[in-house]
Amino acid sequence: MYKVSIYLLISFFLEDVGKLELHCEKNNKAHKTNDISVNRLIVRRGQSFLVTFDFHGPFRSTTDLLELTVETGPQPSEALGTRSVFGLPEGRWKRSSWKVKVHQGSVLPAGSITLDITSPADAPVGEYSLSVKTSATASVGSSLGKLLLLFNPWCQGKDNSIQNNLIIPHGEFWDN
């Protein structure tokens, strides 16, 4: 399993960003992980989850750039699927495996934007570090916490199957 880091690169200066809300309780309930925790973000791959940014000024989704980068492993690579760059405006990152769109309930003129973020159905399962960069020139991200990405048995996406074998308490089950 790779250690996975998510860097959120936002083209706003630090004073423009107010706070981030991960909606742990709401997301975990939607992902059927609320029995595990409601204080930690635990989501399933291939299913969207909500993240809200509150800015000190208005966010213009057609002109303001919001770039997110997902990286996993010791040497992340887009060619190997261990790195993905995506963001807003939506059309700019058509080839990205991770997707983001503005949630219907966002109040953009007031400076609050809620995003629907969706990992691919075959994304690596594991603990992700979540960081944010608040300007295009910042070289180090600010840590926002962690999220756990789990296998999703309800997802119908590509390559969402258990590979190899499962160890069960009284033996082994081999997947063909």
N, C-alpha and C. Protein backbone atom coordinates (compact mmCIF):
# COMPACT_ATOMS: atom_id res chain seq x y z
N MET A 1 0.85 -1.17 0.00
CA MET A 1 0.00 0.00 0.00
C MET A 1 0.90 1.23 0.00
N TYR A 2 0.58 2.21 -0.82
CA TYR A 2 1.33 3.45 -0.90
C TYR A 2 0.81 4.46 0.11
N LYS A 3 1.71 5.31 0.59
CA LYS A 3 1.26 6.46 1.36
C LYS A 3 0.76 7.47 0.34
N VAL A 4 -0.40 8.03 0.55
CA VAL A 4 -1.03 8.88 -0.44
C VAL A 4 -1.17 10.29 0.09
N SER A 5 -0.80 11.26 -0.73
CA SER A 5 -0.93 12.66 -0.34
C SER A 5 -1.80 13.38 -1.34
N ILE A 6 -2.68 14.22 -0.86
CA ILE A 6 -3.49 15.06 -1.72
C ILE A 6 -3.08 16.49 -1.46
N TYR A 7 -2.75 17.22 -2.51
CA TYR A 7 -2.41 18.62 -2.38
C TYR A 7 -3.47 19.42 -3.11
N LEU A 8 -4.09 20.34 -2.43
CA LEU A 8 -5.07 21.21 -3.05
C LEU A 8 -4.37 22.53 -3.33
N LEU A 9 -4.17 22.85 -4.60
CA LEU A 9 -3.51 24.08 -4.97
C LEU A 9 -4.57 25.08 -5.40
N ILE A 10 -4.68 26.17 -4.69
CA ILE A 10 -5.71 27.16 -4.96
C ILE A 10 -5.05 28.48 -5.29
N SER A 11 -5.45 29.13 -6.37
CA SER A 11 -4.80 30.36 -6.78
C SER A 11 -5.37 31.58 -6.07
N PHE A 12 -5.46 31.50 -4.76
CA PHE A 12 -5.86 32.62 -3.92
C PHE A 12 -4.73 32.85 -2.93
N PHE A 13 -4.55 34.08 -2.50
CA PHE A 13 -3.57 34.36 -1.47
C PHE A 13 -4.12 33.89 -0.14
N LEU A 14 -3.24 33.62 0.83
CA LEU A 14 -3.62 33.07 2.12
C LEU A 14 -4.74 33.85 2.78
N GLU A 15 -4.69 35.18 2.70
CA GLU A 15 -5.73 35.97 3.37
C GLU A 15 -7.10 35.84 2.70
N ASP A 16 -7.16 35.29 1.50
CA ASP A 16 -8.43 35.12 0.80
C ASP A 16 -9.21 33.89 1.26
N VAL A 17 -8.50 32.90 1.83
CA VAL A 17 -9.14 31.66 2.24
C VAL A 17 -9.50 31.73 3.71
N GLY A 18 -10.78 31.51 4.01
CA GLY A 18 -11.23 31.55 5.40
C GLY A 18 -11.08 30.21 6.08
N LYS A 19 -11.88 29.22 5.68
CA LYS A 19 -11.82 27.91 6.32
C LYS A 19 -12.24 26.81 5.35
N LEU A 20 -11.97 25.58 5.75
CA LEU A 20 -12.34 24.41 4.98
C LEU A 20 -13.24 23.54 5.83
N GLU A 21 -14.32 23.05 5.25
CA GLU A 21 -15.24 22.13 5.95
C GLU A 21 -15.25 20.81 5.18
N LEU A 22 -14.89 19.72 5.86
CA LEU A 22 -14.85 18.41 5.22
C LEU A 22 -16.17 17.66 5.29
N HIS A 23 -17.14 18.17 6.03
CA HIS A 23 -18.47 17.54 6.16
C HIS A 23 -18.37 16.06 6.53
N CYS A 24 -17.54 15.76 7.54
CA CYS A 24 -17.29 14.35 7.93
C CYS A 24 -18.57 13.58 8.22
N GLU A 25 -19.45 14.15 9.03
CA GLU A 25 -20.67 13.42 9.41
C GLU A 25 -21.56 13.16 8.19
N LYS A 26 -21.79 14.18 7.37
CA LYS A 26 -22.64 14.05 6.18
C LYS A 26 -22.03 13.11 5.15
N ASN A 27 -20.73 13.29 4.86
CA ASN A 27 -20.05 12.43 3.89
C ASN A 27 -20.00 10.98 4.35
N ASN A 28 -19.65 10.77 5.62
CA ASN A 28 -19.55 9.41 6.13
C ASN A 28 -20.90 8.69 6.10
N LYS A 29 -21.98 9.41 6.38
CA LYS A 29 -23.32 8.80 6.30
C LYS A 29 -23.62 8.39 4.85
N ALA A 30 -23.32 9.27 3.90
CA ALA A 30 -23.56 8.97 2.49
C ALA A 30 -22.71 7.81 1.99
N HIS A 31 -21.55 7.62 2.59
CA HIS A 31 -20.62 6.56 2.18
C HIS A 31 -20.74 5.30 3.04
N LYS A 32 -21.74 5.29 3.94
CA LYS A 32 -21.99 4.15 4.83
C LYS A 32 -20.77 3.82 5.70
N THR A 33 -20.10 4.87 6.19
CA THR A 33 -18.95 4.69 7.08
C THR A 33 -19.17 5.40 8.41
N ASN A 34 -20.38 5.92 8.64
CA ASN A 34 -20.65 6.67 9.87
C ASN A 34 -20.64 5.79 11.11
N ASP A 35 -20.75 4.46 10.96
CA ASP A 35 -20.62 3.57 12.11
C ASP A 35 -19.17 3.47 12.57
N ILE A 36 -18.24 3.78 11.67
CA ILE A 36 -16.82 3.77 12.00
C ILE A 36 -16.45 5.07 12.72
N SER A 37 -16.86 6.21 12.14
CA SER A 37 -16.54 7.52 12.72
C SER A 37 -17.39 8.59 12.06
N VAL A 38 -17.68 9.65 12.79
CA VAL A 38 -18.30 10.84 12.21
C VAL A 38 -17.38 12.04 12.40
N ASN A 39 -16.22 11.82 13.02
CA ASN A 39 -15.26 12.90 13.27
C ASN A 39 -14.09 12.87 12.31
N ARG A 40 -13.99 11.83 11.52
CA ARG A 40 -12.91 11.66 10.56
C ARG A 40 -13.52 11.36 9.20
N LEU A 41 -12.98 11.93 8.13
CA LEU A 41 -13.52 11.72 6.79
C LEU A 41 -13.12 10.34 6.27
N ILE A 42 -14.12 9.48 6.09
CA ILE A 42 -13.92 8.13 5.57
C ILE A 42 -14.89 7.96 4.40
N VAL A 43 -14.34 7.90 3.19
CA VAL A 43 -15.17 7.85 1.98
C VAL A 43 -14.81 6.63 1.14
N ARG A 44 -15.67 6.33 0.18
CA ARG A 44 -15.46 5.18 -0.70
C ARG A 44 -15.12 5.65 -2.11
N ARG A 45 -14.23 4.91 -2.73
CA ARG A 45 -13.78 5.30 -4.07
C ARG A 45 -14.92 5.19 -5.08
N GLY A 46 -14.88 6.08 -6.08
CA GLY A 46 -15.91 6.10 -7.11
C GLY A 46 -17.19 6.80 -6.72
N GLN A 47 -17.27 7.34 -5.52
CA GLN A 47 -18.47 8.02 -5.02
C GLN A 47 -18.05 9.43 -4.58
N SER A 48 -18.83 10.44 -4.96
CA SER A 48 -18.45 11.82 -4.65
C SER A 48 -18.59 12.13 -3.16
N PHE A 49 -17.78 13.11 -2.72
CA PHE A 49 -17.88 13.63 -1.36
C PHE A 49 -17.78 15.14 -1.42
N LEU A 50 -18.30 15.81 -0.40
CA LEU A 50 -18.38 17.27 -0.36
C LEU A 50 -17.23 17.88 0.43
N VAL A 51 -16.73 19.00 -0.07
CA VAL A 51 -15.75 19.82 0.63
C VAL A 51 -16.16 21.27 0.40
N THR A 52 -16.18 22.08 1.46
CA THR A 52 -16.57 23.49 1.33
C THR A 52 -15.41 24.40 1.71
N PHE A 53 -15.12 25.36 0.84
CA PHE A 53 -14.15 26.42 1.11
C PHE A 53 -14.92 27.70 1.35
N ASP A 54 -14.59 28.41 2.41
CA ASP A 54 -15.14 29.75 2.65
C ASP A 54 -14.02 30.75 2.42
N PHE A 55 -14.24 31.67 1.49
CA PHE A 55 -13.26 32.69 1.16
C PHE A 55 -13.67 34.02 1.78
N HIS A 56 -12.72 34.92 1.94
CA HIS A 56 -13.01 36.25 2.49
C HIS A 56 -13.63 37.17 1.43
N GLY A 57 -13.71 36.70 0.21
CA GLY A 57 -14.32 37.47 -0.86
C GLY A 57 -15.06 36.53 -1.80
N PRO A 58 -15.67 37.06 -2.85
CA PRO A 58 -16.44 36.22 -3.77
C PRO A 58 -15.54 35.29 -4.58
N PHE A 59 -16.06 34.13 -4.93
CA PHE A 59 -15.36 33.20 -5.81
C PHE A 59 -16.07 33.21 -7.15
N ARG A 60 -15.33 33.42 -8.22
CA ARG A 60 -15.89 33.44 -9.57
C ARG A 60 -15.44 32.16 -10.28
N SER A 61 -16.33 31.20 -10.38
CA SER A 61 -15.97 29.88 -10.91
C SER A 61 -15.56 29.91 -12.38
N THR A 62 -15.91 30.97 -13.10
CA THR A 62 -15.54 31.05 -14.52
C THR A 62 -14.18 31.71 -14.73
N THR A 63 -13.70 32.49 -13.75
CA THR A 63 -12.41 33.17 -13.91
C THR A 63 -11.37 32.79 -12.87
N ASP A 64 -11.78 32.41 -11.67
CA ASP A 64 -10.83 32.04 -10.62
C ASP A 64 -10.42 30.58 -10.79
N LEU A 65 -9.11 30.35 -10.76
CA LEU A 65 -8.58 29.01 -10.95
C LEU A 65 -8.51 28.26 -9.63
N LEU A 66 -9.01 27.05 -9.61
CA LEU A 66 -8.93 26.16 -8.46
C LEU A 66 -8.32 24.86 -8.98
N GLU A 67 -7.08 24.58 -8.61
CA GLU A 67 -6.38 23.41 -9.11
C GLU A 67 -6.08 22.44 -7.98
N LEU A 68 -6.52 21.21 -8.13
CA LEU A 68 -6.30 20.16 -7.14
C LEU A 68 -5.37 19.12 -7.74
N THR A 69 -4.46 18.60 -6.91
CA THR A 69 -3.54 17.56 -7.34
C THR A 69 -3.60 16.41 -6.35
N VAL A 70 -3.77 15.20 -6.86
CA VAL A 70 -3.78 13.99 -6.03
C VAL A 70 -2.51 13.21 -6.38
N GLU A 71 -1.77 12.83 -5.35
CA GLU A 71 -0.55 12.06 -5.57
C GLU A 71 -0.45 10.90 -4.60
N THR A 72 0.08 9.80 -5.08
CA THR A 72 0.28 8.62 -4.23
C THR A 72 1.61 7.98 -4.57
N GLY A 73 2.18 7.31 -3.60
CA GLY A 73 3.41 6.57 -3.81
C GLY A 73 4.66 7.42 -3.72
N PRO A 74 5.81 6.77 -3.80
CA PRO A 74 7.08 7.48 -3.65
C PRO A 74 7.43 8.38 -4.83
N GLN A 75 6.98 8.03 -6.04
CA GLN A 75 7.24 8.84 -7.23
C GLN A 75 5.95 8.94 -8.05
N PRO A 76 5.07 9.86 -7.66
CA PRO A 76 3.79 10.00 -8.36
C PRO A 76 3.97 10.29 -9.85
N SER A 77 3.12 9.65 -10.66
CA SER A 77 3.21 9.78 -12.10
C SER A 77 1.82 9.75 -12.71
N GLU A 78 1.53 10.71 -13.59
CA GLU A 78 0.24 10.69 -14.28
C GLU A 78 0.15 9.48 -15.20
N ALA A 79 1.27 9.11 -15.81
CA ALA A 79 1.29 7.96 -16.73
C ALA A 79 0.95 6.66 -16.01
N LEU A 80 1.36 6.54 -14.74
CA LEU A 80 1.09 5.33 -13.97
C LEU A 80 -0.20 5.43 -13.16
N GLY A 81 -0.89 6.57 -13.23
CA GLY A 81 -2.14 6.75 -12.50
C GLY A 81 -1.97 7.04 -11.02
N THR A 82 -0.76 7.40 -10.61
CA THR A 82 -0.51 7.72 -9.20
C THR A 82 -0.49 9.22 -8.95
N ARG A 83 -0.80 10.00 -9.96
CA ARG A 83 -0.90 11.46 -9.84
C ARG A 83 -2.02 11.93 -10.75
N SER A 84 -2.84 12.85 -10.25
CA SER A 84 -3.93 13.40 -11.06
C SER A 84 -4.10 14.88 -10.72
N VAL A 85 -4.20 15.71 -11.75
CA VAL A 85 -4.43 17.14 -11.58
C VAL A 85 -5.82 17.46 -12.11
N PHE A 86 -6.62 18.14 -11.29
CA PHE A 86 -7.99 18.46 -11.68
C PHE A 86 -8.42 19.72 -10.95
N GLY A 87 -9.55 20.30 -11.34
CA GLY A 87 -10.01 21.50 -10.66
C GLY A 87 -11.06 22.26 -11.44
N LEU A 88 -11.12 23.56 -11.16
CA LEU A 88 -12.07 24.47 -11.80
C LEU A 88 -11.29 25.54 -12.56
N PRO A 89 -11.80 26.00 -13.69
CA PRO A 89 -13.04 25.58 -14.35
C PRO A 89 -12.96 24.14 -14.84
N GLU A 90 -14.12 23.46 -14.83
CA GLU A 90 -14.20 22.02 -15.08
C GLU A 90 -13.61 21.57 -16.41
N GLY A 91 -13.84 22.28 -17.48
CA GLY A 91 -13.41 21.86 -18.81
C GLY A 91 -11.91 21.82 -19.02
N ARG A 92 -11.15 22.44 -18.15
CA ARG A 92 -9.71 22.53 -18.32
C ARG A 92 -9.01 21.18 -18.10
N TRP A 93 -9.58 20.32 -17.28
CA TRP A 93 -8.92 19.06 -16.91
C TRP A 93 -9.75 17.87 -17.37
N LYS A 94 -10.05 17.78 -18.65
CA LYS A 94 -10.92 16.72 -19.17
C LYS A 94 -10.30 15.34 -19.05
N ARG A 95 -8.97 15.22 -19.09
CA ARG A 95 -8.32 13.91 -19.08
C ARG A 95 -8.01 13.40 -17.67
N SER A 96 -8.34 14.16 -16.66
CA SER A 96 -8.03 13.77 -15.29
C SER A 96 -8.89 12.60 -14.82
N SER A 97 -8.32 11.70 -14.02
CA SER A 97 -9.10 10.58 -13.50
C SER A 97 -9.98 10.99 -12.31
N TRP A 98 -9.52 11.94 -11.48
CA TRP A 98 -10.33 12.48 -10.39
C TRP A 98 -11.15 13.63 -10.96
N LYS A 99 -12.36 13.81 -10.49
CA LYS A 99 -13.26 14.84 -11.01
C LYS A 99 -13.74 15.75 -9.89
N VAL A 100 -14.04 16.99 -10.24
CA VAL A 100 -14.59 17.96 -9.29
C VAL A 100 -15.60 18.82 -10.03
N LYS A 101 -16.67 19.18 -9.33
CA LYS A 101 -17.64 20.13 -9.89
C LYS A 101 -18.21 20.94 -8.74
N VAL A 102 -18.73 22.11 -9.07
CA VAL A 102 -19.34 22.97 -8.06
C VAL A 102 -20.66 22.34 -7.65
N HIS A 103 -20.84 22.15 -6.35
CA HIS A 103 -22.08 21.57 -5.81
C HIS A 103 -23.23 22.54 -6.03
N GLN A 104 -24.39 22.01 -6.31
CA GLN A 104 -25.57 22.82 -6.64
C GLN A 104 -25.89 23.87 -5.58
N GLY A 105 -25.65 23.59 -4.32
CA GLY A 105 -26.02 24.52 -3.25
C GLY A 105 -24.99 25.59 -2.92
N SER A 106 -23.91 25.71 -3.71
CA SER A 106 -22.87 26.69 -3.41
C SER A 106 -23.38 28.11 -3.53
N VAL A 107 -22.85 28.98 -2.66
CA VAL A 107 -23.23 30.40 -2.67
C VAL A 107 -22.01 31.19 -3.11
N LEU A 108 -21.72 31.16 -4.41
CA LEU A 108 -20.49 31.75 -4.93
C LEU A 108 -20.35 33.24 -4.66
N PRO A 109 -21.38 34.06 -4.88
CA PRO A 109 -21.20 35.49 -4.63
C PRO A 109 -20.84 35.81 -3.17
N ALA A 110 -21.26 34.97 -2.24
CA ALA A 110 -20.97 35.21 -0.82
C ALA A 110 -19.59 34.70 -0.44
N GLY A 111 -18.88 34.03 -1.35
CA GLY A 111 -17.53 33.57 -1.06
C GLY A 111 -17.44 32.16 -0.51
N SER A 112 -18.51 31.40 -0.61
CA SER A 112 -18.49 30.01 -0.14
C SER A 112 -18.68 29.10 -1.35
N ILE A 113 -17.80 28.13 -1.49
CA ILE A 113 -17.93 27.20 -2.61
C ILE A 113 -17.86 25.77 -2.06
N THR A 114 -18.88 24.99 -2.40
CA THR A 114 -18.91 23.58 -2.03
C THR A 114 -18.63 22.78 -3.29
N LEU A 115 -17.71 21.84 -3.17
CA LEU A 115 -17.29 21.03 -4.31
C LEU A 115 -17.71 19.58 -4.12
N ASP A 116 -18.09 18.94 -5.21
CA ASP A 116 -18.29 17.49 -5.26
C ASP A 116 -17.01 16.92 -5.86
N ILE A 117 -16.25 16.16 -5.07
CA ILE A 117 -15.01 15.54 -5.53
C ILE A 117 -15.25 14.05 -5.66
N THR A 118 -14.85 13.48 -6.80
CA THR A 118 -15.04 12.05 -7.04
C THR A 118 -13.73 11.41 -7.45
N SER A 119 -13.34 10.37 -6.71
CA SER A 119 -12.16 9.59 -7.08
C SER A 119 -12.59 8.55 -8.10
N PRO A 120 -11.65 8.03 -8.89
CA PRO A 120 -12.03 6.97 -9.81
C PRO A 120 -12.35 5.68 -9.05
N ALA A 121 -13.10 4.80 -9.68
CA ALA A 121 -13.50 3.54 -9.05
C ALA A 121 -12.31 2.64 -8.74
N ASP A 122 -11.20 2.85 -9.43
CA ASP A 122 -10.01 2.01 -9.21
C ASP A 122 -8.88 2.77 -8.51
N ALA A 123 -9.21 3.85 -7.81
CA ALA A 123 -8.19 4.62 -7.07
C ALA A 123 -7.58 3.77 -5.96
N PRO A 124 -6.33 4.02 -5.62
CA PRO A 124 -5.72 3.27 -4.52
C PRO A 124 -6.49 3.47 -3.21
N VAL A 125 -6.68 2.39 -2.47
CA VAL A 125 -7.35 2.44 -1.18
C VAL A 125 -6.31 2.74 -0.12
N GLY A 126 -6.62 3.64 0.82
CA GLY A 126 -5.68 3.93 1.90
C GLY A 126 -5.93 5.28 2.53
N GLU A 127 -5.01 5.66 3.41
CA GLU A 127 -5.11 6.93 4.11
C GLU A 127 -4.45 8.02 3.27
N TYR A 128 -5.15 9.12 3.09
CA TYR A 128 -4.68 10.24 2.29
C TYR A 128 -4.38 11.43 3.20
N SER A 129 -3.25 12.09 2.96
CA SER A 129 -2.97 13.36 3.63
C SER A 129 -3.55 14.47 2.77
N LEU A 130 -4.22 15.40 3.40
CA LEU A 130 -4.87 16.48 2.68
C LEU A 130 -4.16 17.79 3.00
N SER A 131 -3.65 18.47 1.96
CA SER A 131 -2.94 19.74 2.13
C SER A 131 -3.49 20.77 1.16
N VAL A 132 -3.25 22.03 1.46
CA VAL A 132 -3.73 23.10 0.58
C VAL A 132 -2.61 24.10 0.32
N LYS A 133 -2.51 24.52 -0.93
CA LYS A 133 -1.63 25.62 -1.30
C LYS A 133 -2.54 26.78 -1.66
N THR A 134 -2.26 27.93 -1.10
CA THR A 134 -3.19 29.05 -1.25
C THR A 134 -2.75 30.09 -2.26
N SER A 135 -1.66 29.83 -2.99
CA SER A 135 -1.31 30.72 -4.09
C SER A 135 -0.60 29.89 -5.15
N ALA A 136 -0.56 30.39 -6.35
CA ALA A 136 0.05 29.65 -7.46
C ALA A 136 1.55 29.48 -7.27
N THR A 137 2.19 30.33 -6.47
CA THR A 137 3.63 30.26 -6.30
C THR A 137 4.07 29.58 -5.02
N ALA A 138 3.16 29.22 -4.14
CA ALA A 138 3.53 28.57 -2.88
C ALA A 138 4.15 27.21 -3.17
N SER A 139 5.24 26.90 -2.47
CA SER A 139 5.91 25.63 -2.72
C SER A 139 5.57 24.58 -1.67
N VAL A 140 5.05 24.98 -0.52
CA VAL A 140 4.71 24.04 0.54
C VAL A 140 3.24 24.20 0.90
N GLY A 141 2.53 23.08 0.98
CA GLY A 141 1.11 23.13 1.32
C GLY A 141 0.89 23.13 2.81
N SER A 142 -0.26 23.63 3.23
CA SER A 142 -0.66 23.59 4.63
C SER A 142 -1.49 22.34 4.84
N SER A 143 -1.16 21.58 5.87
CA SER A 143 -1.88 20.34 6.15
C SER A 143 -3.29 20.64 6.64
N LEU A 144 -4.27 19.95 6.07
CA LEU A 144 -5.67 20.10 6.47
C LEU A 144 -6.18 18.90 7.23
N GLY A 145 -5.41 17.84 7.27
CA GLY A 145 -5.83 16.62 7.94
C GLY A 145 -5.73 15.44 7.00
N LYS A 146 -6.46 14.39 7.33
CA LYS A 146 -6.40 13.15 6.56
C LYS A 146 -7.80 12.66 6.22
N LEU A 147 -7.86 11.87 5.15
CA LEU A 147 -9.09 11.17 4.81
C LEU A 147 -8.72 9.73 4.49
N LEU A 148 -9.66 8.86 4.68
CA LEU A 148 -9.45 7.45 4.40
C LEU A 148 -10.33 7.07 3.22
N LEU A 149 -9.73 6.51 2.17
CA LEU A 149 -10.45 6.08 0.98
C LEU A 149 -10.56 4.56 1.02
N LEU A 150 -11.80 4.06 1.01
CA LEU A 150 -12.07 2.63 1.13
C LEU A 150 -12.57 2.03 -0.18
N PHE A 151 -12.49 0.72 -0.30
CA PHE A 151 -13.10 -0.03 -1.39
C PHE A 151 -14.60 0.22 -1.37
N ASN A 152 -15.23 0.24 -2.54
CA ASN A 152 -16.66 0.52 -2.64
C ASN A 152 -17.38 -0.65 -3.32
N PRO A 153 -18.02 -1.53 -2.54
CA PRO A 153 -18.71 -2.67 -3.15
C PRO A 153 -19.95 -2.28 -3.95
N TRP A 154 -20.45 -1.06 -3.78
CA TRP A 154 -21.65 -0.61 -4.48
C TRP A 154 -21.32 0.13 -5.77
N CYS A 155 -20.06 0.40 -6.02
CA CYS A 155 -19.66 1.17 -7.20
C CYS A 155 -19.60 0.27 -8.43
N GLN A 156 -20.20 0.73 -9.51
CA GLN A 156 -20.23 -0.05 -10.75
C GLN A 156 -19.13 0.36 -11.72
N GLY A 157 -18.16 1.17 -11.25
CA GLY A 157 -17.12 1.69 -12.13
C GLY A 157 -16.12 0.65 -12.60
N LYS A 158 -15.31 1.07 -13.53
CA LYS A 158 -14.26 0.25 -14.12
C LYS A 158 -13.27 -0.24 -13.06
N ASP A 159 -12.89 -1.50 -13.15
CA ASP A 159 -11.86 -2.09 -12.29
C ASP A 159 -12.15 -1.99 -10.80
N ASN A 160 -13.39 -1.96 -10.41
CA ASN A 160 -13.72 -1.93 -8.98
C ASN A 160 -14.01 -3.35 -8.51
N SER A 161 -12.99 -4.16 -8.53
CA SER A 161 -13.14 -5.53 -8.06
C SER A 161 -11.98 -5.86 -7.14
N ILE A 162 -12.17 -6.84 -6.30
CA ILE A 162 -11.10 -7.26 -5.40
C ILE A 162 -10.19 -8.19 -6.19
N GLN A 163 -8.93 -7.82 -6.29
CA GLN A 163 -7.97 -8.63 -7.02
C GLN A 163 -7.30 -9.61 -6.07
N ASN A 164 -6.67 -10.63 -6.63
CA ASN A 164 -5.90 -11.63 -5.89
C ASN A 164 -6.78 -12.43 -4.93
N ASN A 165 -6.51 -12.32 -3.62
CA ASN A 165 -7.26 -13.15 -2.69
C ASN A 165 -7.67 -12.38 -1.45
N LEU A 166 -8.66 -12.93 -0.76
CA LEU A 166 -9.11 -12.38 0.51
C LEU A 166 -8.79 -13.39 1.60
N ILE A 167 -8.20 -12.92 2.67
CA ILE A 167 -7.94 -13.80 3.80
C ILE A 167 -9.16 -13.71 4.72
N ILE A 168 -9.78 -14.85 5.01
CA ILE A 168 -10.92 -14.87 5.92
C ILE A 168 -10.52 -15.66 7.17
N PRO A 169 -11.26 -15.52 8.28
CA PRO A 169 -10.82 -16.12 9.54
C PRO A 169 -10.51 -17.61 9.49
N HIS A 170 -11.19 -18.40 8.68
CA HIS A 170 -10.99 -19.85 8.68
C HIS A 170 -10.47 -20.35 7.34
N GLY A 171 -9.66 -19.57 6.67
CA GLY A 171 -9.11 -20.03 5.41
C GLY A 171 -8.90 -18.90 4.44
N GLU A 172 -8.82 -19.25 3.17
CA GLU A 172 -8.59 -18.26 2.14
C GLU A 172 -9.62 -18.41 1.03
N PHE A 173 -9.92 -17.31 0.38
CA PHE A 173 -10.81 -17.30 -0.78
C PHE A 173 -10.00 -16.73 -1.93
N TRP A 174 -9.89 -17.47 -3.01
CA TRP A 174 -9.12 -17.02 -4.17
C TRP A 174 -10.06 -16.51 -5.24
N ASP A 175 -9.79 -15.29 -5.71
CA ASP A 175 -10.61 -14.65 -6.74
C ASP A 175 -10.04 -14.99 -8.11
N ASN A 176 -10.89 -15.44 -9.03
CA ASN A 176 -10.40 -15.78 -10.37
C ASN A 176 -10.40 -14.59 -11.26
